[in-house]
Amino acid sequence: MSEGFCNELDVAVGVAEGVLPSPTTWFNCDYVAVRVSGVGVAWRQGAKTFVFRDPAEWLAPEMLRRALGLPVIVGHPPGGILNSMEFAARAVGTIVHSYIRNDELWGIARVIDAVACQMIVDGSFDTSPGVLIFPPESPGATIAVDGDNLLVEASPALLDHLALVDTRDGNRGVWSRADGGNGPGVALESAGVVQ
C-alpha cells in the first residue's frame, strides 16, 4: 500500500477523495464508494409517485454522521426494516466514511463479503437507501404538480440500511435517474478516474 495509508480510515478517505480506486482491497475487506441517497426530486416506481428530499437536510453535517455505521445489505428485507434474522442473512458490510459527492450523500462501504464484492465489480448492483421510517405525526406532505403526486418527505426518524439491489433483475435504485444524469449508486473507479 502507498505511503500514508496506515489504517482502514486512511483507505476509506483515500477512496472518497479519488486517490485510491473504488473498490480498494485492504486486508480482509474491500472499500467501495456508494451513494447513500440522492437529493431533490426522483420517481419512486413502487409507489408511483415523485419524491422530494431536501438537500439542506440530506447534505447537512448531522446526516453525514447518521450515515456512519449504516448496515450495507443485499436486497431490502420483507417488511422494510432489519431484524436480527434478516441482518444475519443479508449484511455484507457497513458504511465507515460519509461525504458529499456531486451534491449527493455518499459513503464508503467496508464490504466483507467476497461474493458481494465480486458482484459489485461486475456492475451487478445499484444502491437503494434503506427504508426510512418517518414520524407518524409528520410523514411528509403530498402535493399535486402538473397532475402527478409529489411527496415532500419529512425528516427521517430512522436510517435503517443501505440495500444493494441486483440490476440483473432489472432493479435500479430510486436515485439512479432514468435520464442517467447522476449515474449508478456504486462507483467503479481507478484512482481519480470514474470508469
Protein backbone atom coordinates (compact mmCIF):
# COMPACT_ATOMS: atom_id res chain seq x y z
CA MET A 1 0.00 0.00 0.00
CA SER A 2 1.18 3.51 -0.73
CA GLU A 3 2.88 5.58 1.92
CA GLY A 4 0.37 7.49 4.04
CA PHE A 5 -2.25 4.73 4.10
CA CYS A 6 -1.83 3.18 7.53
CA ASN A 7 -5.28 2.01 8.54
CA GLU A 8 -8.84 1.41 7.36
CA LEU A 9 -9.89 5.04 7.83
CA ASP A 10 -6.98 6.26 5.70
CA VAL A 11 -8.09 3.84 2.97
CA ALA A 12 -11.75 4.92 3.18
CA VAL A 13 -10.83 8.60 2.94
CA GLY A 14 -8.44 7.83 0.06
CA VAL A 15 -11.27 6.14 -1.88
CA ALA A 16 -13.63 9.05 -1.13
CA GLU A 17 -11.07 11.57 -2.35
CA GLY A 18 -10.33 9.62 -5.53
CA VAL A 19 -6.72 8.94 -4.53
CA LEU A 20 -7.45 5.20 -4.32
CA PRO A 21 -9.75 3.25 -6.66
CA SER A 22 -13.22 2.04 -5.76
CA PRO A 23 -13.06 -0.74 -4.76
CA THR A 24 -9.75 -0.93 -2.90
CA THR A 25 -8.82 -4.09 -1.01
CA TRP A 26 -7.33 -3.62 2.46
CA PHE A 27 -6.65 -6.82 4.39
CA ASN A 28 -9.95 -8.74 4.57
CA CYS A 29 -12.26 -6.07 3.11
CA ASP A 30 -12.99 -4.06 0.01
CA TYR A 31 -13.72 -0.34 0.30
CA VAL A 32 -16.34 0.82 -2.22
CA ALA A 33 -17.84 4.26 -2.91
CA VAL A 34 -21.66 4.01 -2.77
CA ARG A 35 -24.48 6.52 -2.93
CA VAL A 36 -26.47 6.55 0.30
CA SER A 37 -29.13 8.92 -1.03
CA GLY A 38 -29.74 11.40 -3.74
CA VAL A 39 -31.48 14.70 -3.14
CA GLY A 40 -34.03 16.76 -4.97
CA VAL A 41 -36.77 15.02 -6.95
CA ALA A 42 -36.86 11.38 -8.09
CA TRP A 43 -39.51 8.93 -9.29
CA ARG A 44 -40.49 6.03 -6.98
CA GLN A 45 -41.73 3.30 -9.29
CA GLY A 46 -43.18 1.15 -6.50
CA ALA A 47 -45.27 3.98 -5.08
CA LYS A 48 -45.97 5.56 -8.49
CA THR A 49 -45.10 8.97 -7.16
CA PHE A 50 -42.37 11.56 -7.25
CA VAL A 51 -40.45 12.19 -4.05
CA PHE A 52 -38.51 15.22 -2.85
CA ARG A 53 -35.59 15.05 -0.41
CA ASP A 54 -34.40 18.41 0.82
CA PRO A 55 -30.68 18.93 0.10
CA ALA A 56 -30.43 21.25 3.13
CA GLU A 57 -31.27 18.27 5.34
CA TRP A 58 -29.73 15.37 3.44
CA LEU A 59 -26.37 17.05 2.90
CA ALA A 60 -26.09 18.53 6.40
CA PRO A 61 -23.30 17.51 8.80
CA GLU A 62 -25.83 15.69 11.00
CA MET A 63 -26.88 13.41 8.12
CA LEU A 64 -23.24 12.66 7.34
CA ARG A 65 -22.85 11.49 10.95
CA ARG A 66 -26.09 9.48 10.81
CA ALA A 67 -24.87 7.54 7.78
CA LEU A 68 -21.83 6.22 9.65
CA GLY A 69 -22.27 2.59 10.66
CA LEU A 70 -25.26 2.11 8.34
CA PRO A 71 -25.54 -1.61 7.52
CA VAL A 72 -24.95 -2.46 3.86
CA ILE A 73 -27.15 -5.39 2.86
CA VAL A 74 -28.16 -7.30 -0.27
CA GLY A 75 -31.79 -6.55 -1.16
CA HIS A 76 -34.42 -4.97 1.04
CA PRO A 77 -35.86 -7.23 3.75
CA PRO A 78 -39.56 -8.10 3.68
CA GLY A 79 -41.38 -5.56 5.79
CA GLY A 80 -38.77 -2.92 5.06
CA ILE A 81 -36.63 -2.88 8.21
CA LEU A 82 -33.94 -5.18 9.52
CA ASN A 83 -34.34 -7.64 12.36
CA SER A 84 -31.63 -9.97 13.65
CA MET A 85 -32.50 -12.79 11.24
CA GLU A 86 -32.59 -10.51 8.18
CA PHE A 87 -29.38 -8.79 9.26
CA ALA A 88 -27.59 -12.15 9.55
CA ALA A 89 -28.88 -13.25 6.14
CA ARG A 90 -28.24 -10.02 4.20
CA ALA A 91 -25.40 -7.99 5.76
CA VAL A 92 -22.25 -7.69 3.65
CA GLY A 93 -20.66 -4.61 5.19
CA THR A 94 -21.10 -1.20 6.77
CA ILE A 95 -20.62 2.49 5.91
CA VAL A 96 -17.35 3.61 7.50
CA HIS A 97 -16.98 7.09 5.99
CA SER A 98 -19.56 9.52 4.61
CA TYR A 99 -19.13 12.52 2.34
CA ILE A 100 -20.82 14.71 -0.25
CA ARG A 101 -20.18 13.85 -3.89
CA ASN A 102 -21.83 15.73 -6.76
CA ASP A 103 -24.50 17.14 -4.42
CA GLU A 104 -25.48 13.67 -3.12
CA LEU A 105 -24.88 11.80 0.13
CA TRP A 106 -22.24 9.11 -0.46
CA GLY A 107 -20.38 6.72 1.78
CA ILE A 108 -17.53 4.29 1.70
CA ALA A 109 -18.81 0.78 2.30
CA ARG A 110 -16.44 -1.62 4.00
CA VAL A 111 -17.58 -4.80 2.25
CA ILE A 112 -16.52 -8.01 3.99
CA ASP A 113 -18.43 -10.46 1.76
CA ALA A 114 -16.24 -11.55 -1.20
CA VAL A 115 -19.18 -12.71 -3.35
CA ALA A 116 -20.95 -9.37 -2.95
CA CYS A 117 -17.76 -7.51 -3.78
CA GLN A 118 -17.33 -9.53 -6.97
CA MET A 119 -20.92 -8.67 -7.94
CA ILE A 120 -20.12 -5.01 -7.27
CA VAL A 121 -17.05 -5.20 -9.53
CA ASP A 122 -19.14 -6.95 -12.21
CA GLY A 123 -21.57 -3.99 -12.17
CA SER A 124 -24.47 -6.08 -10.84
CA PHE A 125 -25.56 -3.71 -8.05
CA ASP A 126 -27.11 -0.29 -7.61
CA THR A 127 -27.95 1.22 -4.23
CA SER A 128 -31.28 1.90 -2.59
CA PRO A 129 -31.37 3.80 0.68
CA GLY A 130 -32.92 1.60 3.32
CA VAL A 131 -36.44 2.01 4.47
CA LEU A 132 -36.74 5.41 6.04
CA ILE A 133 -39.24 5.46 8.88
CA PHE A 134 -40.82 8.85 9.28
CA PRO A 135 -42.50 10.07 12.45
CA PRO A 136 -46.18 9.02 12.18
CA GLU A 137 -47.28 12.53 13.01
CA SER A 138 -45.34 14.01 10.08
CA PRO A 139 -44.87 11.54 7.20
CA GLY A 140 -44.49 14.41 4.76
CA ALA A 141 -46.86 16.26 2.51
CA THR A 142 -48.18 15.06 -0.83
CA ILE A 143 -48.93 17.79 -3.30
CA ALA A 144 -50.14 17.63 -6.89
CA VAL A 145 -47.77 19.02 -9.52
CA ASP A 146 -48.94 19.01 -13.15
CA GLY A 147 -51.24 16.06 -12.43
CA ASP A 148 -48.61 13.96 -10.64
CA ASN A 149 -48.17 13.38 -6.92
CA LEU A 150 -45.06 14.75 -5.23
CA LEU A 151 -44.24 13.51 -1.73
CA VAL A 152 -42.20 16.08 0.15
CA GLU A 153 -40.54 13.85 2.73
CA ALA A 154 -40.36 14.82 6.35
CA SER A 155 -37.17 14.30 8.32
CA PRO A 156 -36.38 10.58 8.63
CA ALA A 157 -36.66 9.10 12.11
CA LEU A 158 -34.51 6.09 11.17
CA LEU A 159 -31.92 5.31 8.54
CA ASP A 160 -32.29 1.54 8.65
CA HIS A 161 -29.92 0.23 5.98
CA LEU A 162 -28.43 0.73 2.54
CA ALA A 163 -29.53 -2.03 0.17
CA LEU A 164 -27.52 -3.24 -2.78
CA VAL A 165 -30.15 -4.08 -5.40
CA ASP A 166 -29.39 -6.58 -8.17
CA THR A 167 -29.52 -4.79 -11.51
CA ARG A 168 -29.53 -8.12 -13.41
CA ASP A 169 -33.18 -8.43 -12.35
CA GLY A 170 -33.98 -5.05 -13.87
CA ASN A 171 -33.85 -3.32 -10.47
CA ARG A 172 -32.42 0.12 -10.04
CA GLY A 173 -32.17 2.46 -7.11
CA VAL A 174 -34.62 5.37 -6.98
CA TRP A 175 -31.77 7.88 -7.23
CA SER A 176 -30.30 6.39 -10.42
CA ARG A 177 -32.48 8.57 -12.54
CA ALA A 178 -33.81 7.48 -15.90
CA ASP A 179 -32.03 10.38 -17.61
CA GLY A 180 -28.71 8.91 -16.46
CA GLY A 181 -27.62 12.32 -15.29
CA ASN A 182 -26.33 11.21 -11.93
CA GLY A 183 -25.00 7.73 -12.69
CA PRO A 184 -25.28 4.49 -10.74
CA GLY A 185 -25.16 4.23 -6.96
CA VAL A 186 -21.94 2.21 -6.95
CA ALA A 187 -18.77 3.88 -8.22
CA LEU A 188 -16.26 1.67 -10.01
CA GLU A 189 -13.17 3.80 -10.45
CA SER A 190 -9.48 3.66 -10.96
CA ALA A 191 -7.67 6.19 -8.80
CA GLY A 192 -9.08 9.58 -9.66
CA VAL A 193 -10.89 8.36 -12.81
CA VAL A 194 -14.53 7.25 -12.97
CA GLN A 195 -14.94 4.22 -15.27
